[in-house]
Amino acid sequence: MSDSLSSNTAQSQWYVYLLCCADNTYYAGVTTNCERRVRQHNGLIKGGARYTQARRPVRIVWQEPCDDRSSACKREAQLKKLTRAQKSALIKLQNTIQPA
């Protein structure tokens, strides 16, 4: 790996996100590019998860920046343990905090 590539990778912003699928289920994941990842999940470009293939279209309903991939994956694991009601409350909280 070249020095420029490793330094770019080290500086990438990671996100943990929740999608709402067409069947009203939630899907949690991590990425460095939320827009691209949603396009992948919706089948517009290669690379979506098997879970979302039968539940399209999906839309991103929540995202949180993380310092690195490790912290994003840890946060994703925490999200997956939440109940649906807890995930809905998290989404609602973020939507009330963000400016219109």
C-alpha atoms as a PDB file:
ATOM      1  CA  MET A   1       0.000   0.000   0.000  1.00  0.00           C
ATOM      2  CA  SER A   2       1.363   3.409  -0.889  1.00  0.00           C
ATOM      3  CA  ASP A   3       1.863   6.096   1.737  1.00  0.00           C
ATOM      4  CA  SER A   4      -0.686   8.392   0.097  1.00  0.00           C
ATOM      5  CA  LEU A   5      -3.306   5.645   0.022  1.00  0.00           C
ATOM      6  CA  SER A   6      -2.775   4.665   3.649  1.00  0.00           C
ATOM      7  CA  SER A   7      -2.926   8.287   4.789  1.00  0.00           C
ATOM      8  CA  ASN A   8      -6.186   8.830   2.848  1.00  0.00           C
ATOM      9  CA  THR A   9      -7.652   5.689   4.389  1.00  0.00           C
ATOM     10  CA  ALA A  10      -6.605   6.801   7.865  1.00  0.00           C
ATOM     11  CA  GLN A  11      -8.343  10.156   7.359  1.00  0.00           C
ATOM     12  CA  SER A  12     -11.641   8.734   6.038  1.00  0.00           C
ATOM     13  CA  GLN A  13     -14.718   9.641   8.043  1.00  0.00           C
ATOM     14  CA  TRP A  14     -16.677   6.575   9.117  1.00  0.00           C
ATOM     15  CA  TYR A  15     -20.420   6.519   9.741  1.00  0.00           C
ATOM     16  CA  VAL A  16     -22.818   4.104  11.328  1.00  0.00           C
ATOM     17  CA  TYR A  17     -26.308   4.298   9.837  1.00  0.00           C
ATOM     18  CA  LEU A  18     -29.828   2.925  10.020  1.00  0.00           C
ATOM     19  CA  LEU A  19     -31.926   2.257   6.956  1.00  0.00           C
ATOM     20  CA  CYS A  20     -35.677   1.894   6.863  1.00  0.00           C
ATOM     21  CA  CYS A  21     -36.617  -0.809   4.376  1.00  0.00           C
ATOM     22  CA  ALA A  22     -39.810  -1.043   2.294  1.00  0.00           C
ATOM     23  CA  ASP A  23     -41.192  -3.638   4.758  1.00  0.00           C
ATOM     24  CA  ASN A  24     -40.630  -1.106   7.579  1.00  0.00           C
ATOM     25  CA  THR A  25     -37.717  -3.022   9.133  1.00  0.00           C
ATOM     26  CA  TYR A  26     -34.452  -1.379  10.125  1.00  0.00           C
ATOM     27  CA  TYR A  27     -31.005  -2.296   8.859  1.00  0.00           C
ATOM     28  CA  ALA A  28     -27.785  -1.100  10.532  1.00  0.00           C
ATOM     29  CA  GLY A  29     -24.432  -0.755   8.805  1.00  0.00           C
ATOM     30  CA  VAL A  30     -21.155   1.168   8.576  1.00  0.00           C
ATOM     31  CA  THR A  31     -19.627   3.069   5.669  1.00  0.00           C
ATOM     32  CA  THR A  32     -17.391   5.953   4.665  1.00  0.00           C
ATOM     33  CA  ASN A  33     -19.956   7.206   2.124  1.00  0.00           C
ATOM     34  CA  CYS A  34     -23.640   7.108   3.117  1.00  0.00           C
ATOM     35  CA  GLU A  35     -24.985   8.235  -0.264  1.00  0.00           C
ATOM     36  CA  ARG A  36     -23.048   5.537  -2.144  1.00  0.00           C
ATOM     37  CA  ARG A  37     -24.046   2.884   0.391  1.00  0.00           C
ATOM     38  CA  VAL A  38     -27.762   3.645   0.036  1.00  0.00           C
ATOM     39  CA  ARG A  39     -27.399   3.409  -3.750  1.00  0.00           C
ATOM     40  CA  GLN A  40     -25.756   0.004  -3.267  1.00  0.00           C
ATOM     41  CA  HIS A  41     -28.527  -1.196  -0.959  1.00  0.00           C
ATOM     42  CA  ASN A  42     -31.122  -0.048  -3.507  1.00  0.00           C
ATOM     43  CA  GLY A  43     -29.396  -1.989  -6.288  1.00  0.00           C
ATOM     44  CA  LEU A  44     -28.429   1.062  -8.311  1.00  0.00           C
ATOM     45  CA  ILE A  45     -24.753   0.121  -8.069  1.00  0.00           C
ATOM     46  CA  LYS A  46     -23.024  -3.127  -7.129  1.00  0.00           C
ATOM     47  CA  GLY A  47     -22.467  -4.007  -3.489  1.00  0.00           C
ATOM     48  CA  GLY A  48     -25.677  -3.992  -1.438  1.00  0.00           C
ATOM     49  CA  ALA A  49     -26.437  -6.344   1.445  1.00  0.00           C
ATOM     50  CA  ARG A  50     -28.454  -9.517   0.906  1.00  0.00           C
ATOM     51  CA  TYR A  51     -30.928  -8.419   3.598  1.00  0.00           C
ATOM     52  CA  THR A  52     -31.934  -5.305   1.687  1.00  0.00           C
ATOM     53  CA  GLN A  53     -32.243  -6.985  -1.734  1.00  0.00           C
ATOM     54  CA  ALA A  54     -35.795  -8.185  -1.042  1.00  0.00           C
ATOM     55  CA  ARG A  55     -36.738  -5.089   0.964  1.00  0.00           C
ATOM     56  CA  ARG A  56     -36.207  -2.288  -1.546  1.00  0.00           C
ATOM     57  CA  PRO A  57     -36.435   0.586  -1.708  1.00  0.00           C
ATOM     58  CA  VAL A  58     -34.517   1.569   1.398  1.00  0.00           C
ATOM     59  CA  ARG A  59     -33.874   5.032   2.759  1.00  0.00           C
ATOM     60  CA  ILE A  60     -31.411   6.278   5.315  1.00  0.00           C
ATOM     61  CA  VAL A  61     -33.172   7.478   8.457  1.00  0.00           C
ATOM     62  CA  TRP A  62     -30.271   7.938  10.874  1.00  0.00           C
ATOM     63  CA  GLN A  63     -26.498   8.334  10.736  1.00  0.00           C
ATOM     64  CA  GLU A  64     -23.743   9.096  13.202  1.00  0.00           C
ATOM     65  CA  PRO A  65     -20.095   9.974  12.491  1.00  0.00           C
ATOM     66  CA  CYS A  66     -17.420   7.841  14.135  1.00  0.00           C
ATOM     67  CA  ASP A  67     -13.696   8.347  14.597  1.00  0.00           C
ATOM     68  CA  ASP A  68     -12.658   5.146  12.823  1.00  0.00           C
ATOM     69  CA  ARG A  69     -13.903   1.828  11.471  1.00  0.00           C
ATOM     70  CA  SER A  70     -13.468   0.084  14.807  1.00  0.00           C
ATOM     71  CA  SER A  71     -15.652   2.563  16.702  1.00  0.00           C
ATOM     72  CA  ALA A  72     -18.232   2.494  13.885  1.00  0.00           C
ATOM     73  CA  CYS A  73     -18.437  -1.310  14.076  1.00  0.00           C
ATOM     74  CA  LYS A  74     -18.759  -1.206  17.861  1.00  0.00           C
ATOM     75  CA  ARG A  75     -21.581   1.322  17.592  1.00  0.00           C
ATOM     76  CA  GLU A  76     -23.261  -0.811  14.917  1.00  0.00           C
ATOM     77  CA  ALA A  77     -23.171  -3.793  17.294  1.00  0.00           C
ATOM     78  CA  GLN A  78     -24.818  -1.639  19.982  1.00  0.00           C
ATOM     79  CA  LEU A  79     -27.551  -0.572  17.545  1.00  0.00           C
ATOM     80  CA  LYS A  80     -28.299  -4.140  16.537  1.00  0.00           C
ATOM     81  CA  LYS A  81     -29.032  -4.969  20.193  1.00  0.00           C
ATOM     82  CA  LEU A  82     -31.630  -2.194  20.489  1.00  0.00           C
ATOM     83  CA  THR A  83     -35.322  -2.949  20.229  1.00  0.00           C
ATOM     84  CA  ARG A  84     -37.310  -1.516  17.349  1.00  0.00           C
ATOM     85  CA  ALA A  85     -38.857   1.037  19.736  1.00  0.00           C
ATOM     86  CA  GLN A  86     -35.403   2.137  20.903  1.00  0.00           C
ATOM     87  CA  LYS A  87     -34.210   2.528  17.299  1.00  0.00           C
ATOM     88  CA  SER A  88     -37.326   4.553  16.457  1.00  0.00           C
ATOM     89  CA  ALA A  89     -36.694   6.813  19.468  1.00  0.00           C
ATOM     90  CA  LEU A  90     -33.076   7.335  18.360  1.00  0.00           C
ATOM     91  CA  ILE A  91     -34.245   8.314  14.873  1.00  0.00           C
ATOM     92  CA  LYS A  92     -36.871  10.661  16.283  1.00  0.00           C
ATOM     93  CA  LEU A  93     -34.321  12.267  18.619  1.00  0.00           C
ATOM     94  CA  GLN A  94     -31.878  12.971  15.792  1.00  0.00           C
ATOM     95  CA  ASN A  95     -34.635  14.410  13.618  1.00  0.00           C
ATOM     96  CA  THR A  96     -35.711  16.827  16.379  1.00  0.00           C
ATOM     97  CA  ILE A  97     -32.142  18.019  16.992  1.00  0.00           C
ATOM     98  CA  GLN A  98     -31.203  18.754  13.364  1.00  0.00           C
ATOM     99  CA  PRO A  99     -32.087  22.201  12.018  1.00  0.00           C
ATOM    100  CA  ALA A 100     -34.861  22.282   9.432  1.00  0.00           C
END
